[in-house]
């Protein structure tokens, strides 16, 4: 689609969401309020390998979709590679497992009842009680946000989040923070591995057994919860015609009877005395397959046999490729995309025995991925918005921060994400966050009359005094340092272009460019009004010279980050 169409689309969306109640950016959010949403032009490029231009434009697009935020250093690292090598690097540069979450909650008035000291990890400690697990869950979620903030040049963190949304669990339901952390470790270790293997591991994962009541599933009282979600949400989906039946849900539940949790070792085990040993026959959707009932410890093997049966159908490959497409490309999937992209990706997955990496390689190296129509059409998730702001501006915590102060900052940002509609670790339900699946709005759900002002309040704050989160130190954007790192900062036209390219999902119009430049020129019309001020600051950064450029840059950055284009990636 053309840039003006995408811009109009977002502006109309924002106008419809705030409904004229909030004046956020002159009249840009209301000028399209009475027009019909134009929709988006469709791309006609598919999975053939991309052979076009490989410049900063394409590198930024690749990084925006595969990471949370884009650093100049990331661009420099990938620009020296070919497109194919850059994608391979992101897929293969898997960092070592991060240091586990730490006790950040011991204070003068509270001590961990299991003896975990301040600054030590609690992941191998005893359960304790509900109070300490509530604190540990907060520690875990803050830690995870910190891992995202400090991610390496890799697709890994995006994929860990993808699987967290797909195999949705809630810390608030699981309760045991150690299980929540171990579940994260499982996702992290298999995020770029084999989909079928991951489903098998998830099925007997203690956190999932607890979350979807699998540990209560017995031969006398089968619990259908996981047997249903395994098919509806995790593998074949509810969208096939024909599809699995209600009887298949009941039969799957019988196969899964007997799995239990050892709360001491935090592992799962199989209890043959609780397993249904009868033969289980599935519907024609699964080729009328019968899984022979097994006794004793062998009964555990029925679970893997059933999952192999589910994957033999082929619907699981199509479904997960649809979800990957929505996550990395766009949510509008017409018949042409189904036939020429999704089905082709599913074939690649099946041919590679459900390995995930070959699918991502085909998608991320394709004409389709780099088609301009698929750039800047994705509304940022709260994670892209918050983590992206932090990483793009190279915000770093002081080295003097202890574990309490560090986790306070991470927790502040995590809490802000919850206010924006994404509470990391606690999706709203087993289906995950609705912007990834709820038709017809999808990503547009991220933007509403509550979350849009909060997004702008955040960037306003970060471009000004920032936040302290009880640390006594302001965490904000050092826009003077960020600007000095640009070699041509004295040229206002080039500076506006640099900031716009760095921060906005699509190019701005000439009018927007000139409006932003006018802020740097303090309302004047000659470029020298900025150039002379900047050169004076560089030559002599005294209080007067510093304040002149700080005032203009702060206003410039605040305005830029309020543009509709900043909500796109």
Foldseek 3Di string as FASTA:
>chain_A
DDPVLLQLLLLCLQLCFQVPVDDQFPCSNPPCPPPDNPDADDDPFFLDFDDDDDDLLLQVLLCLQLAQADAPVLSVVQSVDDLLVLLVCQAPVQDDDDDAFFPLDDDPVDDQPQHGDGGHDCLQTAQRDLVVLVSLLLRRLLVLLVCRLVDDSHSLNVLLVLVCQQQPFFCVQLSRSSLLVVVSVLCSVPSQWFLLVSLLCLLQRLRNCRRQVLQVAFPVRQRLRCLVCCCCRRFLHPPDVVGWDPLSSVLSSLLSWAWHADSNVNGIAGDQVRHDQCWGFGDCLLPRDIDHGDGDRCSNVSNSVVSVSRVVSLSRLLVVLLLVCCSRFNNDQDPSCSVRYSVVLSVQCVVVNRRRNVSSSSCSRTPRSSPPSRFFNAFDQLSSLQSNVCNHLVFDDDPPDDSNQSSLVSSVSLVLSVQLPDNPNGAPDSNGGCLSPPPPCRRSVSRRSRNLVSSLVQQLQQLPQADRSPPPDHGHRPVVVVLVVDPPSLQLLVSLVVCCSSQFRDDDDPVVSVVLSCLLLVNDDDSVSNNVLVVVCVVPVDPVSVVSNSNSVSVSSSSSCSRSRNRTD
